[in-house]
Amino acid sequence: MDVKFEGLPEQGARIVYVRPVLVADLPEEIRAQAAGLDTLYSVNRPDGARLALVRDRETAFVLARQNDLAPVSAH
């Protein structure tokens, strides 16, 4: 079967995982910068290393794509 599906990363794409992170679980320095927010979104390499923290899921996906990465939701 050789069917392409819209929205899936292409073969060989550099995948990153986007997942929600509770602000309460982050270090104090980051919590202070996230005043008023309960959740941030992290962009992570497949090995789990965090590349970025951003305000919302949409921004995380845009950031990944702007850096030639293929974002995938992780829960």
PDB file of N, CA and C in Angstrom:
ATOM      1  N   MET A   1       0.855  -1.170   0.000  1.00  0.00           N
ATOM      2  CA  MET A   1       0.000   0.000   0.000  1.00  0.00           C
ATOM      3  C   MET A   1       0.896   1.226   0.000  1.00  0.00           C
ATOM      4  N   ASP A   2       0.703   2.089  -0.958  1.00  0.00           N
ATOM      5  CA  ASP A   2       1.520   3.289  -1.095  1.00  0.00           C
ATOM      6  C   ASP A   2       0.619   4.516  -1.112  1.00  0.00           C
ATOM      7  N   VAL A   3       0.045   4.828   0.081  1.00  0.00           N
ATOM      8  CA  VAL A   3      -0.888   5.934   0.201  1.00  0.00           C
ATOM      9  C   VAL A   3      -0.274   7.005   1.084  1.00  0.00           C
ATOM     10  N   LYS A   4      -0.328   8.271   0.622  1.00  0.00           N
ATOM     11  CA  LYS A   4       0.169   9.377   1.439  1.00  0.00           C
ATOM     12  C   LYS A   4      -0.973   9.914   2.280  1.00  0.00           C
ATOM     13  N   PHE A   5      -0.675  10.222   3.534  1.00  0.00           N
ATOM     14  CA  PHE A   5      -1.656  10.789   4.437  1.00  0.00           C
ATOM     15  C   PHE A   5      -1.253  12.216   4.776  1.00  0.00           C
ATOM     16  N   GLU A   6      -2.201  13.117   4.699  1.00  0.00           N
ATOM     17  CA  GLU A   6      -1.963  14.518   5.027  1.00  0.00           C
ATOM     18  C   GLU A   6      -1.606  14.644   6.515  1.00  0.00           C
ATOM     19  N   GLY A   7      -0.649  15.500   6.822  1.00  0.00           N
ATOM     20  CA  GLY A   7      -0.334  15.810   8.200  1.00  0.00           C
ATOM     21  C   GLY A   7       0.695  14.923   8.867  1.00  0.00           C
ATOM     22  N   LEU A   8       1.084  13.834   8.223  1.00  0.00           N
ATOM     23  CA  LEU A   8       2.106  12.966   8.806  1.00  0.00           C
ATOM     24  C   LEU A   8       3.487  13.445   8.380  1.00  0.00           C
ATOM     25  N   PRO A   9       4.486  13.323   9.287  1.00  0.00           N
ATOM     26  CA  PRO A   9       5.838  13.729   8.894  1.00  0.00           C
ATOM     27  C   PRO A   9       6.353  12.870   7.744  1.00  0.00           C
ATOM     28  N   GLU A  10       7.120  13.491   6.857  1.00  0.00           N
ATOM     29  CA  GLU A  10       7.705  12.749   5.755  1.00  0.00           C
ATOM     30  C   GLU A  10       8.813  11.841   6.260  1.00  0.00           C
ATOM     31  N   GLN A  11       9.085  10.787   5.519  1.00  0.00           N
ATOM     32  CA  GLN A  11      10.161   9.873   5.883  1.00  0.00           C
ATOM     33  C   GLN A  11      11.477  10.641   5.930  1.00  0.00           C
ATOM     34  N   GLY A  12      12.238  10.435   6.972  1.00  0.00           N
ATOM     35  CA  GLY A  12      13.510  11.120   7.123  1.00  0.00           C
ATOM     36  C   GLY A  12      13.391  12.477   7.801  1.00  0.00           C
ATOM     37  N   ALA A  13      12.162  12.882   8.133  1.00  0.00           N
ATOM     38  CA  ALA A  13      11.963  14.171   8.795  1.00  0.00           C
ATOM     39  C   ALA A  13      12.546  14.129  10.208  1.00  0.00           C
ATOM     40  N   ARG A  14      13.011  15.269  10.656  1.00  0.00           N
ATOM     41  CA  ARG A  14      13.540  15.381  12.023  1.00  0.00           C
ATOM     42  C   ARG A  14      12.363  15.645  12.947  1.00  0.00           C
ATOM     43  N   ILE A  15      11.921  14.611  13.633  1.00  0.00           N
ATOM     44  CA  ILE A  15      10.726  14.682  14.469  1.00  0.00           C
ATOM     45  C   ILE A  15      11.062  15.271  15.831  1.00  0.00           C
ATOM     46  N   VAL A  16      10.162  16.129  16.318  1.00  0.00           N
ATOM     47  CA  VAL A  16      10.198  16.611  17.689  1.00  0.00           C
ATOM     48  C   VAL A  16       8.813  16.376  18.281  1.00  0.00           C
ATOM     49  N   TYR A  17       8.769  16.233  19.585  1.00  0.00           N
ATOM     50  CA  TYR A  17       7.518  15.956  20.276  1.00  0.00           C
ATOM     51  C   TYR A  17       7.072  17.187  21.054  1.00  0.00           C
ATOM     52  N   VAL A  18       5.799  17.532  20.925  1.00  0.00           N
ATOM     53  CA  VAL A  18       5.212  18.665  21.624  1.00  0.00           C
ATOM     54  C   VAL A  18       4.295  18.103  22.702  1.00  0.00           C
ATOM     55  N   ARG A  19       4.505  18.567  23.932  1.00  0.00           N
ATOM     56  CA  ARG A  19       3.666  18.064  25.009  1.00  0.00           C
ATOM     57  C   ARG A  19       3.409  19.150  26.044  1.00  0.00           C
ATOM     58  N   PRO A  20       2.269  19.065  26.724  1.00  0.00           N
ATOM     59  CA  PRO A  20       1.972  20.042  27.773  1.00  0.00           C
ATOM     60  C   PRO A  20       2.815  19.760  29.017  1.00  0.00           C
ATOM     61  N   VAL A  21       3.189  20.843  29.711  1.00  0.00           N
ATOM     62  CA  VAL A  21       3.968  20.742  30.942  1.00  0.00           C
ATOM     63  C   VAL A  21       3.308  21.660  31.969  1.00  0.00           C
ATOM     64  N   LEU A  22       3.024  21.134  33.145  1.00  0.00           N
ATOM     65  CA  LEU A  22       2.467  21.971  34.203  1.00  0.00           C
ATOM     66  C   LEU A  22       3.522  22.944  34.705  1.00  0.00           C
ATOM     67  N   VAL A  23       3.164  24.205  34.789  1.00  0.00           N
ATOM     68  CA  VAL A  23       4.095  25.218  35.271  1.00  0.00           C
ATOM     69  C   VAL A  23       4.552  24.870  36.685  1.00  0.00           C
ATOM     70  N   ALA A  24       3.677  24.306  37.497  1.00  0.00           N
ATOM     71  CA  ALA A  24       4.014  23.938  38.877  1.00  0.00           C
ATOM     72  C   ALA A  24       5.146  22.912  38.947  1.00  0.00           C
ATOM     73  N   ASP A  25       5.360  22.155  37.865  1.00  0.00           N
ATOM     74  CA  ASP A  25       6.414  21.133  37.844  1.00  0.00           C
ATOM     75  C   ASP A  25       7.767  21.676  37.373  1.00  0.00           C
ATOM     76  N   LEU A  26       7.815  22.950  37.030  1.00  0.00           N
ATOM     77  CA  LEU A  26       9.037  23.545  36.491  1.00  0.00           C
ATOM     78  C   LEU A  26       9.835  24.237  37.597  1.00  0.00           C
ATOM     79  N   PRO A  27      11.129  24.480  37.366  1.00  0.00           N
ATOM     80  CA  PRO A  27      11.942  25.190  38.358  1.00  0.00           C
ATOM     81  C   PRO A  27      11.387  26.596  38.645  1.00  0.00           C
ATOM     82  N   GLU A  28      11.655  27.110  39.831  1.00  0.00           N
ATOM     83  CA  GLU A  28      11.140  28.407  40.274  1.00  0.00           C
ATOM     84  C   GLU A  28      11.447  29.532  39.281  1.00  0.00           C
ATOM     85  N   GLU A  29      12.636  29.535  38.725  1.00  0.00           N
ATOM     86  CA  GLU A  29      13.034  30.581  37.779  1.00  0.00           C
ATOM     87  C   GLU A  29      12.084  30.637  36.575  1.00  0.00           C
ATOM     88  N   ILE A  30      11.704  29.494  36.092  1.00  0.00           N
ATOM     89  CA  ILE A  30      10.789  29.439  34.940  1.00  0.00           C
ATOM     90  C   ILE A  30       9.359  29.756  35.379  1.00  0.00           C
ATOM     91  N   ARG A  31       8.962  29.267  36.552  1.00  0.00           N
ATOM     92  CA  ARG A  31       7.611  29.571  37.058  1.00  0.00           C
ATOM     93  C   ARG A  31       7.413  31.079  37.172  1.00  0.00           C
ATOM     94  N   ALA A  32       8.434  31.805  37.612  1.00  0.00           N
ATOM     95  CA  ALA A  32       8.329  33.257  37.761  1.00  0.00           C
ATOM     96  C   ALA A  32       8.083  33.933  36.408  1.00  0.00           C
ATOM     97  N   GLN A  33       8.652  33.386  35.355  1.00  0.00           N
ATOM     98  CA  GLN A  33       8.487  33.965  34.016  1.00  0.00           C
ATOM     99  C   GLN A  33       7.147  33.585  33.385  1.00  0.00           C
ATOM    100  N   ALA A  34       6.488  32.576  33.933  1.00  0.00           N
ATOM    101  CA  ALA A  34       5.224  32.086  33.383  1.00  0.00           C
ATOM    102  C   ALA A  34       4.043  32.529  34.243  1.00  0.00           C
ATOM    103  N   ALA A  35       4.183  33.646  34.899  1.00  0.00           N
ATOM    104  CA  ALA A  35       3.144  34.140  35.799  1.00  0.00           C
ATOM    105  C   ALA A  35       1.780  34.150  35.112  1.00  0.00           C
ATOM    106  N   GLY A  36       0.786  33.602  35.794  1.00  0.00           N
ATOM    107  CA  GLY A  36      -0.575  33.590  35.273  1.00  0.00           C
ATOM    108  C   GLY A  36      -0.910  32.400  34.398  1.00  0.00           C
ATOM    109  N   LEU A  37       0.076  31.569  34.062  1.00  0.00           N
ATOM    110  CA  LEU A  37      -0.176  30.394  33.220  1.00  0.00           C
ATOM    111  C   LEU A  37      -0.121  29.128  34.069  1.00  0.00           C
ATOM    112  N   ASP A  38      -0.960  28.173  33.757  1.00  0.00           N
ATOM    113  CA  ASP A  38      -0.935  26.885  34.445  1.00  0.00           C
ATOM    114  C   ASP A  38      -0.150  25.847  33.655  1.00  0.00           C
ATOM    115  N   THR A  39      -0.136  26.010  32.320  1.00  0.00           N
ATOM    116  CA  THR A  39       0.490  25.028  31.438  1.00  0.00           C
ATOM    117  C   THR A  39       1.325  25.744  30.380  1.00  0.00           C
ATOM    118  N   LEU A  40       2.489  25.182  30.103  1.00  0.00           N
ATOM    119  CA  LEU A  40       3.317  25.589  28.971  1.00  0.00           C
ATOM    120  C   LEU A  40       3.436  24.376  28.057  1.00  0.00           C
ATOM    121  N   TYR A  41       3.998  24.554  26.893  1.00  0.00           N
ATOM    122  CA  TYR A  41       4.212  23.441  25.963  1.00  0.00           C
ATOM    123  C   TYR A  41       5.701  23.325  25.677  1.00  0.00           C
ATOM    124  N   SER A  42       6.194  22.099  25.770  1.00  0.00           N
ATOM    125  CA  SER A  42       7.610  21.866  25.507  1.00  0.00           C
ATOM    126  C   SER A  42       7.785  21.219  24.143  1.00  0.00           C
ATOM    127  N   VAL A  43       8.896  21.552  23.504  1.00  0.00           N
ATOM    128  CA  VAL A  43       9.309  20.937  22.239  1.00  0.00           C
ATOM    129  C   VAL A  43      10.522  20.085  22.600  1.00  0.00           C
ATOM    130  N   ASN A  44      10.409  18.762  22.360  1.00  0.00           N
ATOM    131  CA  ASN A  44      11.439  17.827  22.800  1.00  0.00           C
ATOM    132  C   ASN A  44      11.993  16.985  21.667  1.00  0.00           C
ATOM    133  N   ARG A  45      13.289  16.702  21.743  1.00  0.00           N
ATOM    134  CA  ARG A  45      13.899  15.753  20.808  1.00  0.00           C
ATOM    135  C   ARG A  45      13.389  14.356  21.141  1.00  0.00           C
ATOM    136  N   PRO A  46      13.558  13.401  20.226  1.00  0.00           N
ATOM    137  CA  PRO A  46      13.120  12.030  20.498  1.00  0.00           C
ATOM    138  C   PRO A  46      13.776  11.414  21.742  1.00  0.00           C
ATOM    139  N   ASP A  47      14.972  11.880  22.117  1.00  0.00           N
ATOM    140  CA  ASP A  47      15.618  11.340  23.313  1.00  0.00           C
ATOM    141  C   ASP A  47      15.100  11.990  24.595  1.00  0.00           C
ATOM    142  N   GLY A  48      14.130  12.914  24.461  1.00  0.00           N
ATOM    143  CA  GLY A  48      13.504  13.538  25.615  1.00  0.00           C
ATOM    144  C   GLY A  48      14.091  14.886  25.997  1.00  0.00           C
ATOM    145  N   ALA A  49      15.206  15.278  25.400  1.00  0.00           N
ATOM    146  CA  ALA A  49      15.819  16.565  25.727  1.00  0.00           C
ATOM    147  C   ALA A  49      14.894  17.704  25.313  1.00  0.00           C
ATOM    148  N   ARG A  50      14.666  18.624  26.225  1.00  0.00           N
ATOM    149  CA  ARG A  50      13.779  19.754  25.962  1.00  0.00           C
ATOM    150  C   ARG A  50      14.529  20.810  25.163  1.00  0.00           C
ATOM    151  N   LEU A  51      13.945  21.203  24.034  1.00  0.00           N
ATOM    152  CA  LEU A  51      14.537  22.225  23.184  1.00  0.00           C
ATOM    153  C   LEU A  51      13.960  23.605  23.465  1.00  0.00           C
ATOM    154  N   ALA A  52      12.673  23.653  23.836  1.00  0.00           N
ATOM    155  CA  ALA A  52      12.030  24.951  24.056  1.00  0.00           C
ATOM    156  C   ALA A  52      10.785  24.780  24.915  1.00  0.00           C
ATOM    157  N   LEU A  53      10.420  25.867  25.578  1.00  0.00           N
ATOM    158  CA  LEU A  53       9.144  25.983  26.285  1.00  0.00           C
ATOM    159  C   LEU A  53       8.435  27.198  25.715  1.00  0.00           C
ATOM    160  N   VAL A  54       7.167  27.035  25.366  1.00  0.00           N
ATOM    161  CA  VAL A  54       6.405  28.144  24.805  1.00  0.00           C
ATOM    162  C   VAL A  54       5.021  28.215  25.437  1.00  0.00           C
ATOM    163  N   ARG A  55       4.345  29.314  25.182  1.00  0.00           N
ATOM    164  CA  ARG A  55       3.059  29.614  25.817  1.00  0.00           C
ATOM    165  C   ARG A  55       1.928  28.653  25.419  1.00  0.00           C
ATOM    166  N   ASP A  56       1.868  28.254  24.141  1.00  0.00           N
ATOM    167  CA  ASP A  56       0.741  27.421  23.712  1.00  0.00           C
ATOM    168  C   ASP A  56       1.165  26.404  22.656  1.00  0.00           C
ATOM    169  N   ARG A  57       0.267  25.473  22.401  1.00  0.00           N
ATOM    170  CA  ARG A  57       0.555  24.365  21.479  1.00  0.00           C
ATOM    171  C   ARG A  57       0.797  24.870  20.055  1.00  0.00           C
ATOM    172  N   GLU A  58      -0.009  25.809  19.617  1.00  0.00           N
ATOM    173  CA  GLU A  58       0.133  26.338  18.259  1.00  0.00           C
ATOM    174  C   GLU A  58       1.520  26.961  18.062  1.00  0.00           C
ATOM    175  N   THR A  59       1.980  27.714  19.039  1.00  0.00           N
ATOM    176  CA  THR A  59       3.307  28.323  18.958  1.00  0.00           C
ATOM    177  C   THR A  59       4.395  27.261  18.906  1.00  0.00           C
ATOM    178  N   ALA A  60       4.218  26.179  19.654  1.00  0.00           N
ATOM    179  CA  ALA A  60       5.202  25.086  19.648  1.00  0.00           C
ATOM    180  C   ALA A  60       5.316  24.470  18.258  1.00  0.00           C
ATOM    181  N   PHE A  61       4.170  24.265  17.594  1.00  0.00           N
ATOM    182  CA  PHE A  61       4.191  23.685  16.250  1.00  0.00           C
ATOM    183  C   PHE A  61       4.816  24.643  15.237  1.00  0.00           C
ATOM    184  N   VAL A  62       4.477  25.928  15.345  1.00  0.00           N
ATOM    185  CA  VAL A  62       5.048  26.926  14.435  1.00  0.00           C
ATOM    186  C   VAL A  62       6.557  27.006  14.625  1.00  0.00           C
ATOM    187  N   LEU A  63       7.001  27.050  15.878  1.00  0.00           N
ATOM    188  CA  LEU A  63       8.432  27.108  16.181  1.00  0.00           C
ATOM    189  C   LEU A  63       9.178  25.920  15.581  1.00  0.00           C
ATOM    190  N   ALA A  64       8.620  24.731  15.751  1.00  0.00           N
ATOM    191  CA  ALA A  64       9.258  23.527  15.209  1.00  0.00           C
ATOM    192  C   ALA A  64       9.367  23.609  13.687  1.00  0.00           C
ATOM    193  N   ARG A  65       8.281  23.961  13.042  1.00  0.00           N
ATOM    194  CA  ARG A  65       8.287  24.020  11.570  1.00  0.00           C
ATOM    195  C   ARG A  65       9.220  25.100  11.041  1.00  0.00           C
ATOM    196  N   GLN A  66       9.322  26.220  11.753  1.00  0.00           N
ATOM    197  CA  GLN A  66      10.235  27.283  11.336  1.00  0.00           C
ATOM    198  C   GLN A  66      11.690  26.834  11.395  1.00  0.00           C
ATOM    199  N   ASN A  67      11.943  25.791  12.180  1.00  0.00           N
ATOM    200  CA  ASN A  67      13.298  25.263  12.318  1.00  0.00           C
ATOM    201  C   ASN A  67      13.472  23.936  11.585  1.00  0.00           C
ATOM    202  N   ASP A  68      12.615  23.718  10.572  1.00  0.00           N
ATOM    203  CA  ASP A  68      12.683  22.525   9.715  1.00  0.00           C
ATOM    204  C   ASP A  68      12.569  21.231  10.501  1.00  0.00           C
ATOM    205  N   LEU A  69      11.719  21.253  11.518  1.00  0.00           N
ATOM    206  CA  LEU A  69      11.451  20.061  12.319  1.00  0.00           C
ATOM    207  C   LEU A  69      10.010  19.630  12.081  1.00  0.00           C
ATOM    208  N   ALA A  70       9.720  18.373  12.331  1.00  0.00           N
ATOM    209  CA  ALA A  70       8.377  17.837  12.141  1.00  0.00           C
ATOM    210  C   ALA A  70       7.749  17.585  13.511  1.00  0.00           C
ATOM    211  N   PRO A  71       6.857  18.480  13.970  1.00  0.00           N
ATOM    212  CA  PRO A  71       6.264  18.323  15.295  1.00  0.00           C
ATOM    213  C   PRO A  71       5.171  17.250  15.334  1.00  0.00           C
ATOM    214  N   VAL A  72       5.152  16.515  16.451  1.00  0.00           N
ATOM    215  CA  VAL A  72       4.164  15.475  16.692  1.00  0.00           C
ATOM    216  C   VAL A  72       3.683  15.650  18.126  1.00  0.00           C
ATOM    217  N   SER A  73       2.374  15.550  18.353  1.00  0.00           N
ATOM    218  CA  SER A  73       1.846  15.663  19.718  1.00  0.00           C
ATOM    219  C   SER A  73       2.221  14.447  20.544  1.00  0.00           C
ATOM    220  N   ALA A  74       2.613  14.702  21.775  1.00  0.00           N
ATOM    221  CA  ALA A  74       2.869  13.635  22.746  1.00  0.00           C
ATOM    222  C   ALA A  74       2.076  13.985  23.995  1.00  0.00           C
ATOM    223  N   HIS A  75       1.531  12.970  24.646  1.00  0.00           N
ATOM    224  CA  HIS A  75       0.685  13.239  25.816  1.00  0.00           C
ATOM    225  C   HIS A  75       1.386  12.855  27.076  1.00  0.00           C
TER     226      HIS A  75
END
